[in-house]
Amino acid sequence: MRANEHTRPVLRGPLTPVLVTGPSMVPTLRHGDAVLVRVGGRPVRPGDVVLAVFRSRPDLLVVKRAVRPEDGGWWLRGDNDLVTDDSRAYGVADVRGRVVARYWPLPRRIRGGTRQRRI
């Protein structure tokens, strides 16, 4: 399954592999990174990296950072401030799962919390 591809989002099992496409989550995730998404588990918290679908674009599956709950869904932002294909463009999203680990190219756990922005 690819994020940012026009497919109906169907997640199977407690952990689902997803391939990241595009630069919106740089530096946390890059185009071509493979991640594991957990369906269920603990509730989403601000700062978590999530797999979601924007209500205004139900055909678009995205990987973004959860900012705050809003209107029964989540306001999402990408970590790359130069790319604005997030809630600023599409509004509120419904979260399908949390990104818990990157397994390719270099395995590492993806932690929640706000990312550090350079000033």
PDB file of N, CA and C in Angstrom:
ATOM      1  N   MET A   1       0.848  -1.178   0.000  1.00  0.00           N
ATOM      2  CA  MET A   1       0.000   0.000   0.000  1.00  0.00           C
ATOM      3  C   MET A   1       0.888   1.233   0.000  1.00  0.00           C
ATOM      4  N   ARG A   2       0.529   2.227  -0.728  1.00  0.00           N
ATOM      5  CA  ARG A   2       1.284   3.467  -0.801  1.00  0.00           C
ATOM      6  C   ARG A   2       0.478   4.592  -0.174  1.00  0.00           C
ATOM      7  N   ALA A   3       1.151   5.466   0.550  1.00  0.00           N
ATOM      8  CA  ALA A   3       0.499   6.668   1.021  1.00  0.00           C
ATOM      9  C   ALA A   3       0.558   7.678  -0.111  1.00  0.00           C
ATOM     10  N   ASN A   4      -0.404   8.570  -0.160  1.00  0.00           N
ATOM     11  CA  ASN A   4      -0.499   9.605  -1.182  1.00  0.00           C
ATOM     12  C   ASN A   4      -0.850   9.033  -2.549  1.00  0.00           C
ATOM     13  N   GLU A   5      -1.390   7.839  -2.606  1.00  0.00           N
ATOM     14  CA  GLU A   5      -1.822   7.261  -3.874  1.00  0.00           C
ATOM     15  C   GLU A   5      -3.340   7.185  -3.871  1.00  0.00           C
ATOM     16  N   HIS A   6      -3.939   7.286  -5.028  1.00  0.00           N
ATOM     17  CA  HIS A   6      -5.396   7.278  -5.130  1.00  0.00           C
ATOM     18  C   HIS A   6      -5.923   5.848  -5.040  1.00  0.00           C
ATOM     19  N   THR A   7      -6.165   5.384  -3.825  1.00  0.00           N
ATOM     20  CA  THR A   7      -6.722   4.058  -3.586  1.00  0.00           C
ATOM     21  C   THR A   7      -7.697   4.156  -2.434  1.00  0.00           C
ATOM     22  N   ARG A   8      -8.593   3.219  -2.345  1.00  0.00           N
ATOM     23  CA  ARG A   8      -9.463   3.154  -1.179  1.00  0.00           C
ATOM     24  C   ARG A   8      -8.639   2.617  -0.023  1.00  0.00           C
ATOM     25  N   PRO A   9      -8.608   3.328   1.111  1.00  0.00           N
ATOM     26  CA  PRO A   9      -7.788   2.889   2.230  1.00  0.00           C
ATOM     27  C   PRO A   9      -8.359   1.653   2.915  1.00  0.00           C
ATOM     28  N   VAL A  10      -7.649   0.549   2.791  1.00  0.00           N
ATOM     29  CA  VAL A  10      -8.040  -0.689   3.457  1.00  0.00           C
ATOM     30  C   VAL A  10      -6.829  -1.184   4.226  1.00  0.00           C
ATOM     31  N   LEU A  11      -6.948  -1.200   5.539  1.00  0.00           N
ATOM     32  CA  LEU A  11      -5.852  -1.674   6.375  1.00  0.00           C
ATOM     33  C   LEU A  11      -6.241  -3.022   6.946  1.00  0.00           C
ATOM     34  N   ARG A  12      -5.330  -3.979   6.810  1.00  0.00           N
ATOM     35  CA  ARG A  12      -5.617  -5.331   7.284  1.00  0.00           C
ATOM     36  C   ARG A  12      -4.611  -5.718   8.350  1.00  0.00           C
ATOM     37  N   GLY A  13      -5.121  -6.292   9.413  1.00  0.00           N
ATOM     38  CA  GLY A  13      -4.249  -6.749  10.482  1.00  0.00           C
ATOM     39  C   GLY A  13      -3.827  -5.608  11.394  1.00  0.00           C
ATOM     40  N   PRO A  14      -3.200  -5.972  12.507  1.00  0.00           N
ATOM     41  CA  PRO A  14      -2.804  -4.940  13.473  1.00  0.00           C
ATOM     42  C   PRO A  14      -1.637  -4.084  12.983  1.00  0.00           C
ATOM     43  N   LEU A  15      -0.761  -4.630  12.112  1.00  0.00           N
ATOM     44  CA  LEU A  15       0.340  -3.870  11.527  1.00  0.00           C
ATOM     45  C   LEU A  15       0.265  -3.980  10.010  1.00  0.00           C
ATOM     46  N   THR A  16       0.266  -2.833   9.341  1.00  0.00           N
ATOM     47  CA  THR A  16       0.165  -2.806   7.894  1.00  0.00           C
ATOM     48  C   THR A  16       1.366  -2.073   7.311  1.00  0.00           C
ATOM     49  N   PRO A  17       2.051  -2.656   6.324  1.00  0.00           N
ATOM     50  CA  PRO A  17       3.162  -1.940   5.687  1.00  0.00           C
ATOM     51  C   PRO A  17       2.643  -0.879   4.722  1.00  0.00           C
ATOM     52  N   VAL A  18       3.291   0.282   4.719  1.00  0.00           N
ATOM     53  CA  VAL A  18       2.914   1.397   3.847  1.00  0.00           C
ATOM     54  C   VAL A  18       4.190   2.003   3.282  1.00  0.00           C
ATOM     55  N   LEU A  19       4.173   2.327   1.998  1.00  0.00           N
ATOM     56  CA  LEU A  19       5.300   2.974   1.344  1.00  0.00           C
ATOM     57  C   LEU A  19       5.015   4.475   1.247  1.00  0.00           C
ATOM     58  N   VAL A  20       5.931   5.284   1.748  1.00  0.00           N
ATOM     59  CA  VAL A  20       5.764   6.736   1.742  1.00  0.00           C
ATOM     60  C   VAL A  20       6.144   7.278   0.367  1.00  0.00           C
ATOM     61  N   THR A  21       5.304   8.168  -0.171  1.00  0.00           N
ATOM     62  CA  THR A  21       5.627   8.841  -1.426  1.00  0.00           C
ATOM     63  C   THR A  21       5.552  10.343  -1.210  1.00  0.00           C
ATOM     64  N   GLY A  22       6.454  11.062  -1.826  1.00  0.00           N
ATOM     65  CA  GLY A  22       6.456  12.511  -1.740  1.00  0.00           C
ATOM     66  C   GLY A  22       7.324  13.041  -0.616  1.00  0.00           C
ATOM     67  N   PRO A  23       7.571  14.369  -0.634  1.00  0.00           N
ATOM     68  CA  PRO A  23       8.493  14.998   0.312  1.00  0.00           C
ATOM     69  C   PRO A  23       7.846  15.661   1.533  1.00  0.00           C
ATOM     70  N   SER A  24       6.566  15.486   1.763  1.00  0.00           N
ATOM     71  CA  SER A  24       5.884  16.277   2.792  1.00  0.00           C
ATOM     72  C   SER A  24       6.317  15.973   4.222  1.00  0.00           C
ATOM     73  N   MET A  25       6.907  14.814   4.474  1.00  0.00           N
ATOM     74  CA  MET A  25       7.300  14.472   5.846  1.00  0.00           C
ATOM     75  C   MET A  25       8.809  14.548   6.085  1.00  0.00           C
ATOM     76  N   VAL A  26       9.555  15.118   5.145  1.00  0.00           N
ATOM     77  CA  VAL A  26      10.998  15.315   5.334  1.00  0.00           C
ATOM     78  C   VAL A  26      11.188  16.318   6.458  1.00  0.00           C
ATOM     79  N   PRO A  27      12.056  16.110   7.425  1.00  0.00           N
ATOM     80  CA  PRO A  27      13.118  15.119   7.494  1.00  0.00           C
ATOM     81  C   PRO A  27      12.751  13.823   8.216  1.00  0.00           C
ATOM     82  N   THR A  28      11.564  13.734   8.796  1.00  0.00           N
ATOM     83  CA  THR A  28      11.193  12.539   9.556  1.00  0.00           C
ATOM     84  C   THR A  28      11.121  11.309   8.670  1.00  0.00           C
ATOM     85  N   LEU A  29      10.412  11.421   7.549  1.00  0.00           N
ATOM     86  CA  LEU A  29      10.290  10.336   6.580  1.00  0.00           C
ATOM     87  C   LEU A  29      10.565  10.902   5.194  1.00  0.00           C
ATOM     88  N   ARG A  30      11.124  10.047   4.337  1.00  0.00           N
ATOM     89  CA  ARG A  30      11.464  10.477   2.980  1.00  0.00           C
ATOM     90  C   ARG A  30      10.753   9.617   1.956  1.00  0.00           C
ATOM     91  N   HIS A  31      10.670  10.124   0.728  1.00  0.00           N
ATOM     92  CA  HIS A  31      10.087   9.372  -0.373  1.00  0.00           C
ATOM     93  C   HIS A  31      10.786   8.010  -0.475  1.00  0.00           C
ATOM     94  N   GLY A  32      10.002   6.945  -0.511  1.00  0.00           N
ATOM     95  CA  GLY A  32      10.560   5.594  -0.610  1.00  0.00           C
ATOM     96  C   GLY A  32      10.719   4.879   0.721  1.00  0.00           C
ATOM     97  N   ASP A  33      10.560   5.581   1.836  1.00  0.00           N
ATOM     98  CA  ASP A  33      10.625   4.908   3.142  1.00  0.00           C
ATOM     99  C   ASP A  33       9.443   3.957   3.281  1.00  0.00           C
ATOM    100  N   ALA A  34       9.694   2.822   3.894  1.00  0.00           N
ATOM    101  CA  ALA A  34       8.636   1.856   4.181  1.00  0.00           C
ATOM    102  C   ALA A  34       8.384   1.876   5.688  1.00  0.00           C
ATOM    103  N   VAL A  35       7.124   2.033   6.068  1.00  0.00           N
ATOM    104  CA  VAL A  35       6.761   2.144   7.476  1.00  0.00           C
ATOM    105  C   VAL A  35       5.705   1.114   7.847  1.00  0.00           C
ATOM    106  N   LEU A  36       5.577   0.878   9.142  1.00  0.00           N
ATOM    107  CA  LEU A  36       4.524   0.010   9.671  1.00  0.00           C
ATOM    108  C   LEU A  36       3.487   0.885  10.354  1.00  0.00           C
ATOM    109  N   VAL A  37       2.223   0.640  10.035  1.00  0.00           N
ATOM    110  CA  VAL A  37       1.113   1.387  10.615  1.00  0.00           C
ATOM    111  C   VAL A  37       0.332   0.462  11.530  1.00  0.00           C
ATOM    112  N   ARG A  38       0.111   0.907  12.766  1.00  0.00           N
ATOM    113  CA  ARG A  38      -0.675   0.135  13.729  1.00  0.00           C
ATOM    114  C   ARG A  38      -2.115   0.615  13.689  1.00  0.00           C
ATOM    115  N   VAL A  39      -3.010  -0.338  13.487  1.00  0.00           N
ATOM    116  CA  VAL A  39      -4.444  -0.061  13.524  1.00  0.00           C
ATOM    117  C   VAL A  39      -4.913  -0.407  14.926  1.00  0.00           C
ATOM    118  N   GLY A  40      -5.610   0.499  15.565  1.00  0.00           N
ATOM    119  CA  GLY A  40      -6.042   0.270  16.936  1.00  0.00           C
ATOM    120  C   GLY A  40      -4.916   0.630  17.902  1.00  0.00           C
ATOM    121  N   GLY A  41      -4.934   0.057  19.068  1.00  0.00           N
ATOM    122  CA  GLY A  41      -3.918   0.405  20.065  1.00  0.00           C
ATOM    123  C   GLY A  41      -4.320   1.679  20.785  1.00  0.00           C
ATOM    124  N   ARG A  42      -3.323   2.375  21.295  1.00  0.00           N
ATOM    125  CA  ARG A  42      -3.618   3.590  22.063  1.00  0.00           C
ATOM    126  C   ARG A  42      -4.192   4.677  21.162  1.00  0.00           C
ATOM    127  N   PRO A  43      -4.954   5.595  21.740  1.00  0.00           N
ATOM    128  CA  PRO A  43      -5.522   6.688  20.941  1.00  0.00           C
ATOM    129  C   PRO A  43      -4.421   7.581  20.369  1.00  0.00           C
ATOM    130  N   VAL A  44      -4.748   8.248  19.269  1.00  0.00           N
ATOM    131  CA  VAL A  44      -3.822   9.195  18.649  1.00  0.00           C
ATOM    132  C   VAL A  44      -3.649  10.389  19.573  1.00  0.00           C
ATOM    133  N   ARG A  45      -2.411  10.879  19.650  1.00  0.00           N
ATOM    134  CA  ARG A  45      -2.105  12.063  20.442  1.00  0.00           C
ATOM    135  C   ARG A  45      -1.448  13.101  19.526  1.00  0.00           C
ATOM    136  N   PRO A  46      -1.561  14.383  19.894  1.00  0.00           N
ATOM    137  CA  PRO A  46      -0.858  15.402  19.107  1.00  0.00           C
ATOM    138  C   PRO A  46       0.629  15.053  19.008  1.00  0.00           C
ATOM    139  N   GLY A  47       1.169  15.177  17.801  1.00  0.00           N
ATOM    140  CA  GLY A  47       2.572  14.854  17.565  1.00  0.00           C
ATOM    141  C   GLY A  47       2.791  13.490  16.947  1.00  0.00           C
ATOM    142  N   ASP A  48       1.791  12.610  17.009  1.00  0.00           N
ATOM    143  CA  ASP A  48       1.926  11.283  16.391  1.00  0.00           C
ATOM    144  C   ASP A  48       1.966  11.411  14.876  1.00  0.00           C
ATOM    145  N   VAL A  49       2.743  10.550  14.227  1.00  0.00           N
ATOM    146  CA  VAL A  49       2.720  10.436  12.777  1.00  0.00           C
ATOM    147  C   VAL A  49       1.649   9.405  12.454  1.00  0.00           C
ATOM    148  N   VAL A  50       0.734   9.762  11.556  1.00  0.00           N
ATOM    149  CA  VAL A  50      -0.444   8.930  11.320  1.00  0.00           C
ATOM    150  C   VAL A  50      -0.671   8.693   9.831  1.00  0.00           C
ATOM    151  N   LEU A  51      -1.446   7.669   9.551  1.00  0.00           N
ATOM    152  CA  LEU A  51      -1.972   7.403   8.215  1.00  0.00           C
ATOM    153  C   LEU A  51      -3.421   7.855   8.250  1.00  0.00           C
ATOM    154  N   ALA A  52      -3.816   8.699   7.303  1.00  0.00           N
ATOM    155  CA  ALA A  52      -5.147   9.304   7.378  1.00  0.00           C
ATOM    156  C   ALA A  52      -5.723   9.562   5.996  1.00  0.00           C
ATOM    157  N   VAL A  53      -7.012   9.935   6.001  1.00  0.00           N
ATOM    158  CA  VAL A  53      -7.737  10.298   4.789  1.00  0.00           C
ATOM    159  C   VAL A  53      -8.423  11.628   5.059  1.00  0.00           C
ATOM    160  N   PHE A  54      -8.184  12.605   4.190  1.00  0.00           N
ATOM    161  CA  PHE A  54      -8.869  13.888   4.324  1.00  0.00           C
ATOM    162  C   PHE A  54     -10.326  13.720   3.923  1.00  0.00           C
ATOM    163  N   ARG A  55     -11.217  14.351   4.672  1.00  0.00           N
ATOM    164  CA  ARG A  55     -12.649  14.252   4.371  1.00  0.00           C
ATOM    165  C   ARG A  55     -12.969  14.852   3.005  1.00  0.00           C
ATOM    166  N   SER A  56     -12.232  15.868   2.613  1.00  0.00           N
ATOM    167  CA  SER A  56     -12.469  16.494   1.321  1.00  0.00           C
ATOM    168  C   SER A  56     -11.810  15.729   0.169  1.00  0.00           C
ATOM    169  N   ARG A  57     -10.949  14.761   0.482  1.00  0.00           N
ATOM    170  CA  ARG A  57     -10.264  13.947  -0.525  1.00  0.00           C
ATOM    171  C   ARG A  57     -10.251  12.487  -0.064  1.00  0.00           C
ATOM    172  N   PRO A  58     -11.395  11.818  -0.017  1.00  0.00           N
ATOM    173  CA  PRO A  58     -11.462  10.458   0.532  1.00  0.00           C
ATOM    174  C   PRO A  58     -10.679   9.433  -0.282  1.00  0.00           C
ATOM    175  N   ASP A  59     -10.237   9.786  -1.478  1.00  0.00           N
ATOM    176  CA  ASP A  59      -9.451   8.875  -2.306  1.00  0.00           C
ATOM    177  C   ASP A  59      -7.956   8.991  -2.036  1.00  0.00           C
ATOM    178  N   LEU A  60      -7.537   9.929  -1.186  1.00  0.00           N
ATOM    179  CA  LEU A  60      -6.122  10.215  -0.958  1.00  0.00           C
ATOM    180  C   LEU A  60      -5.687   9.728   0.414  1.00  0.00           C
ATOM    181  N   LEU A  61      -4.804   8.744   0.443  1.00  0.00           N
ATOM    182  CA  LEU A  61      -4.257   8.197   1.684  1.00  0.00           C
ATOM    183  C   LEU A  61      -2.937   8.897   1.960  1.00  0.00           C
ATOM    184  N   VAL A  62      -2.781   9.486   3.152  1.00  0.00           N
ATOM    185  CA  VAL A  62      -1.602  10.303   3.446  1.00  0.00           C
ATOM    186  C   VAL A  62      -0.941   9.914   4.763  1.00  0.00           C
ATOM    187  N   VAL A  63       0.351  10.205   4.847  1.00  0.00           N
ATOM    188  CA  VAL A  63       1.106  10.090   6.095  1.00  0.00           C
ATOM    189  C   VAL A  63       1.451  11.510   6.515  1.00  0.00           C
ATOM    190  N   LYS A  64       0.972  11.913   7.690  1.00  0.00           N
ATOM    191  CA  LYS A  64       1.183  13.272   8.202  1.00  0.00           C
ATOM    192  C   LYS A  64       1.315  13.221   9.721  1.00  0.00           C
ATOM    193  N   ARG A  65       1.589  14.384  10.315  1.00  0.00           N
ATOM    194  CA  ARG A  65       1.685  14.492  11.769  1.00  0.00           C
ATOM    195  C   ARG A  65       0.373  15.059  12.318  1.00  0.00           C
ATOM    196  N   ALA A  66      -0.184  14.407  13.338  1.00  0.00           N
ATOM    197  CA  ALA A  66      -1.407  14.877  13.989  1.00  0.00           C
ATOM    198  C   ALA A  66      -1.076  16.115  14.818  1.00  0.00           C
ATOM    199  N   VAL A  67      -1.833  17.193  14.607  1.00  0.00           N
ATOM    200  CA  VAL A  67      -1.592  18.435  15.332  1.00  0.00           C
ATOM    201  C   VAL A  67      -2.579  18.593  16.484  1.00  0.00           C
ATOM    202  N   ARG A  68      -3.878  18.500  16.149  1.00  0.00           N
ATOM    203  CA  ARG A  68      -4.903  18.668  17.193  1.00  0.00           C
ATOM    204  C   ARG A  68      -6.205  18.034  16.724  1.00  0.00           C
ATOM    205  N   PRO A  69      -7.024  17.564  17.681  1.00  0.00           N
ATOM    206  CA  PRO A  69      -8.334  17.064  17.300  1.00  0.00           C
ATOM    207  C   PRO A  69      -9.208  18.236  16.849  1.00  0.00           C
ATOM    208  N   GLU A  70     -10.029  17.981  15.824  1.00  0.00           N
ATOM    209  CA  GLU A  70     -10.904  19.034  15.319  1.00  0.00           C
ATOM    210  C   GLU A  70     -12.110  18.417  14.611  1.00  0.00           C
ATOM    211  N   ASP A  71     -13.306  18.844  14.967  1.00  0.00           N
ATOM    212  CA  ASP A  71     -14.549  18.402  14.328  1.00  0.00           C
ATOM    213  C   ASP A  71     -14.668  16.881  14.244  1.00  0.00           C
ATOM    214  N   GLY A  72     -14.297  16.180  15.303  1.00  0.00           N
ATOM    215  CA  GLY A  72     -14.394  14.722  15.317  1.00  0.00           C
ATOM    216  C   GLY A  72     -13.310  14.029  14.518  1.00  0.00           C
ATOM    217  N   GLY A  73     -12.353  14.769  13.982  1.00  0.00           N
ATOM    218  CA  GLY A  73     -11.220  14.207  13.242  1.00  0.00           C
ATOM    219  C   GLY A  73      -9.933  14.845  13.736  1.00  0.00           C
ATOM    220  N   TRP A  74      -8.958  14.993  12.836  1.00  0.00           N
ATOM    221  CA  TRP A  74      -7.665  15.569  13.214  1.00  0.00           C
ATOM    222  C   TRP A  74      -7.206  16.592  12.199  1.00  0.00           C
ATOM    223  N   TRP A  75      -6.565  17.653  12.700  1.00  0.00           N
ATOM    224  CA  TRP A  75      -5.866  18.618  11.874  1.00  0.00           C
ATOM    225  C   TRP A  75      -4.456  18.071  11.697  1.00  0.00           C
ATOM    226  N   LEU A  76      -4.003  17.924  10.454  1.00  0.00           N
ATOM    227  CA  LEU A  76      -2.718  17.304  10.151  1.00  0.00           C
ATOM    228  C   LEU A  76      -1.780  18.291   9.467  1.00  0.00           C
ATOM    229  N   ARG A  77      -0.475  18.113   9.714  1.00  0.00           N
ATOM    230  CA  ARG A  77       0.556  18.904   9.042  1.00  0.00           C
ATOM    231  C   ARG A  77       1.681  17.985   8.618  1.00  0.00           C
ATOM    232  N   GLY A  78       2.318  18.326   7.514  1.00  0.00           N
ATOM    233  CA  GLY A  78       3.543  17.655   7.118  1.00  0.00           C
ATOM    234  C   GLY A  78       4.705  18.291   7.854  1.00  0.00           C
ATOM    235  N   ASP A  79       5.815  17.578   7.993  1.00  0.00           N
ATOM    236  CA  ASP A  79       6.987  18.134   8.664  1.00  0.00           C
ATOM    237  C   ASP A  79       7.770  19.080   7.767  1.00  0.00           C
ATOM    238  N   ASN A  80       7.571  19.012   6.466  1.00  0.00           N
ATOM    239  CA  ASN A  80       8.259  19.862   5.509  1.00  0.00           C
ATOM    240  C   ASN A  80       7.405  21.113   5.288  1.00  0.00           C
ATOM    241  N   ASP A  81       7.858  22.243   5.817  1.00  0.00           N
ATOM    242  CA  ASP A  81       7.075  23.482   5.735  1.00  0.00           C
ATOM    243  C   ASP A  81       6.915  24.008   4.311  1.00  0.00           C
ATOM    244  N   LEU A  82       7.723  23.508   3.382  1.00  0.00           N
ATOM    245  CA  LEU A  82       7.624  23.970   1.991  1.00  0.00           C
ATOM    246  C   LEU A  82       6.518  23.267   1.214  1.00  0.00           C
ATOM    247  N   VAL A  83       5.972  22.195   1.778  1.00  0.00           N
ATOM    248  CA  VAL A  83       4.905  21.437   1.123  1.00  0.00           C
ATOM    249  C   VAL A  83       3.625  21.646   1.929  1.00  0.00           C
ATOM    250  N   THR A  84       2.559  22.084   1.252  1.00  0.00           N
ATOM    251  CA  THR A  84       1.322  22.435   1.974  1.00  0.00           C
ATOM    252  C   THR A  84       0.156  21.516   1.632  1.00  0.00           C
ATOM    253  N   ASP A  85       0.445  20.265   1.276  1.00  0.00           N
ATOM    254  CA  ASP A  85      -0.649  19.326   0.961  1.00  0.00           C
ATOM    255  C   ASP A  85      -1.133  18.624   2.231  1.00  0.00           C
ATOM    256  N   ASP A  86      -1.559  19.419   3.194  1.00  0.00           N
ATOM    257  CA  ASP A  86      -2.023  18.891   4.467  1.00  0.00           C
ATOM    258  C   ASP A  86      -3.344  19.569   4.818  1.00  0.00           C
ATOM    259  N   SER A  87      -3.680  19.668   6.082  1.00  0.00           N
ATOM    260  CA  SER A  87      -4.961  20.248   6.477  1.00  0.00           C
ATOM    261  C   SER A  87      -5.106  21.709   6.077  1.00  0.00           C
ATOM    262  N   ARG A  88      -3.998  22.389   5.834  1.00  0.00           N
ATOM    263  CA  ARG A  88      -4.087  23.767   5.351  1.00  0.00           C
ATOM    264  C   ARG A  88      -4.774  23.817   3.990  1.00  0.00           C
ATOM    265  N   ALA A  89      -4.626  22.762   3.201  1.00  0.00           N
ATOM    266  CA  ALA A  89      -5.246  22.705   1.878  1.00  0.00           C
ATOM    267  C   ALA A  89      -6.543  21.896   1.877  1.00  0.00           C
ATOM    268  N   TYR A  90      -6.600  20.815   2.675  1.00  0.00           N
ATOM    269  CA  TYR A  90      -7.711  19.862   2.578  1.00  0.00           C
ATOM    270  C   TYR A  90      -8.611  19.779   3.801  1.00  0.00           C
ATOM    271  N   GLY A  91      -8.279  20.481   4.877  1.00  0.00           N
ATOM    272  CA  GLY A  91      -9.126  20.467   6.061  1.00  0.00           C
ATOM    273  C   GLY A  91      -8.914  19.253   6.953  1.00  0.00           C
ATOM    274  N   VAL A  92      -9.944  18.898   7.676  1.00  0.00           N
ATOM    275  CA  VAL A  92      -9.891  17.841   8.694  1.00  0.00           C
ATOM    276  C   VAL A  92      -9.758  16.461   8.050  1.00  0.00           C
ATOM    277  N   ALA A  93      -9.032  15.581   8.755  1.00  0.00           N
ATOM    278  CA  ALA A  93      -8.809  14.218   8.265  1.00  0.00           C
ATOM    279  C   ALA A  93      -9.260  13.200   9.302  1.00  0.00           C
ATOM    280  N   ASP A  94      -9.556  12.003   8.822  1.00  0.00           N
ATOM    281  CA  ASP A  94      -9.877  10.883   9.695  1.00  0.00           C
ATOM    282  C   ASP A  94      -8.672   9.951   9.720  1.00  0.00           C
ATOM    283  N   VAL A  95      -8.186   9.660  10.915  1.00  0.00           N
ATOM    284  CA  VAL A  95      -6.998   8.831  11.094  1.00  0.00           C
ATOM    285  C   VAL A  95      -7.365   7.360  10.957  1.00  0.00           C
ATOM    286  N   ARG A  96      -6.576   6.630  10.193  1.00  0.00           N
ATOM    287  CA  ARG A  96      -6.763   5.189   9.991  1.00  0.00           C
ATOM    288  C   ARG A  96      -5.816   4.365  10.856  1.00  0.00           C
ATOM    289  N   GLY A  97      -4.675   4.951  11.239  1.00  0.00           N
ATOM    290  CA  GLY A  97      -3.715   4.234  12.083  1.00  0.00           C
ATOM    291  C   GLY A  97      -2.515   5.115  12.397  1.00  0.00           C
ATOM    292  N   ARG A  98      -1.679   4.633  13.323  1.00  0.00           N
ATOM    293  CA  ARG A  98      -0.471   5.352  13.731  1.00  0.00           C
ATOM    294  C   ARG A  98       0.750   4.707  13.101  1.00  0.00           C
ATOM    295  N   VAL A  99       1.668   5.529  12.595  1.00  0.00           N
ATOM    296  CA  VAL A  99       2.942   5.025  12.097  1.00  0.00           C
ATOM    297  C   VAL A  99       3.812   4.743  13.315  1.00  0.00           C
ATOM    298  N   VAL A 100       4.262   3.489  13.462  1.00  0.00           N
ATOM    299  CA  VAL A 100       5.030   3.117  14.648  1.00  0.00           C
ATOM    300  C   VAL A 100       6.498   2.854  14.364  1.00  0.00           C
ATOM    301  N   ALA A 101       6.837   2.518  13.114  1.00  0.00           N
ATOM    302  CA  ALA A 101       8.242   2.224  12.812  1.00  0.00           C
ATOM    303  C   ALA A 101       8.505   2.363  11.325  1.00  0.00           C
ATOM    304  N   ARG A 102       9.743   2.729  11.014  1.00  0.00           N
ATOM    305  CA  ARG A 102      10.218   2.668   9.631  1.00  0.00           C
ATOM    306  C   ARG A 102      11.064   1.401   9.557  1.00  0.00           C
ATOM    307  N   TYR A 103      10.810   0.551   8.561  1.00  0.00           N
ATOM    308  CA  TYR A 103      11.604  -0.670   8.450  1.00  0.00           C
ATOM    309  C   TYR A 103      12.510  -0.685   7.230  1.00  0.00           C
ATOM    310  N   TRP A 104      12.383   0.321   6.361  1.00  0.00           N
ATOM    311  CA  TRP A 104      13.283   0.430   5.230  1.00  0.00           C
ATOM    312  C   TRP A 104      13.452   1.907   4.901  1.00  0.00           C
ATOM    313  N   PRO A 105      14.630   2.422   4.634  1.00  0.00           N
ATOM    314  CA  PRO A 105      15.883   1.706   4.463  1.00  0.00           C
ATOM    315  C   PRO A 105      16.622   1.449   5.768  1.00  0.00           C
ATOM    316  N   LEU A 106      16.479   2.312   6.761  1.00  0.00           N
ATOM    317  CA  LEU A 106      17.131   2.090   8.057  1.00  0.00           C
ATOM    318  C   LEU A 106      16.058   1.946   9.114  1.00  0.00           C
ATOM    319  N   PRO A 107      15.924   0.755   9.705  1.00  0.00           N
ATOM    320  CA  PRO A 107      14.871   0.569  10.707  1.00  0.00           C
ATOM    321  C   PRO A 107      15.034   1.521  11.891  1.00  0.00           C
ATOM    322  N   ARG A 108      13.924   2.103  12.311  1.00  0.00           N
ATOM    323  CA  ARG A 108      13.900   2.907  13.531  1.00  0.00           C
ATOM    324  C   ARG A 108      12.464   3.133  13.954  1.00  0.00           C
ATOM    325  N   ARG A 109      12.299   3.350  15.221  1.00  0.00           N
ATOM    326  CA  ARG A 109      10.976   3.620  15.770  1.00  0.00           C
ATOM    327  C   ARG A 109      10.593   5.060  15.459  1.00  0.00           C
ATOM    328  N   ILE A 110       9.329   5.302  15.150  1.00  0.00           N
ATOM    329  CA  ILE A 110       8.818   6.649  14.926  1.00  0.00           C
ATOM    330  C   ILE A 110       8.118   7.072  16.205  1.00  0.00           C
ATOM    331  N   ARG A 111       8.631   8.112  16.809  1.00  0.00           N
ATOM    332  CA  ARG A 111       8.077   8.573  18.084  1.00  0.00           C
ATOM    333  C   ARG A 111       7.115   9.721  17.853  1.00  0.00           C
ATOM    334  N   GLY A 112       6.134   9.801  18.752  1.00  0.00           N
ATOM    335  CA  GLY A 112       5.210  10.925  18.728  1.00  0.00           C
ATOM    336  C   GLY A 112       5.852  12.149  19.342  1.00  0.00           C
ATOM    337  N   GLY A 113       5.094  13.182  19.500  1.00  0.00           N
ATOM    338  CA  GLY A 113       5.614  14.430  20.026  1.00  0.00           C
ATOM    339  C   GLY A 113       5.852  15.394  18.889  1.00  0.00           C
ATOM    340  N   THR A 114       5.932  16.649  19.218  1.00  0.00           N
ATOM    341  CA  THR A 114       6.132  17.635  18.156  1.00  0.00           C
ATOM    342  C   THR A 114       7.559  17.581  17.681  1.00  0.00           C
ATOM    343  N   ARG A 115       7.733  17.788  16.397  1.00  0.00           N
ATOM    344  CA  ARG A 115       9.082  17.768  15.845  1.00  0.00           C
ATOM    345  C   ARG A 115       9.751  19.107  16.135  1.00  0.00           C
ATOM    346  N   GLN A 116      11.053  19.110  16.153  1.00  0.00           N
ATOM    347  CA  GLN A 116      11.808  20.331  16.401  1.00  0.00           C
ATOM    348  C   GLN A 116      11.864  21.154  15.116  1.00  0.00           C
ATOM    349  N   ARG A 117      11.446  22.381  15.164  1.00  0.00           N
ATOM    350  CA  ARG A 117      11.514  23.273  14.004  1.00  0.00           C
ATOM    351  C   ARG A 117      12.697  24.202  14.177  1.00  0.00           C
ATOM    352  N   ARG A 118      13.457  24.366  13.079  1.00  0.00           N
ATOM    353  CA  ARG A 118      14.572  25.308  13.117  1.00  0.00           C
ATOM    354  C   ARG A 118      14.049  26.712  12.871  1.00  0.00           C
ATOM    355  N   ILE A 119      14.629  27.660  13.556  1.00  0.00           N
ATOM    356  CA  ILE A 119      14.209  29.071  13.391  1.00  0.00           C
ATOM    357  C   ILE A 119      15.309  29.838  12.710  1.00  0.00           C
TER     358      ILE A 119
END
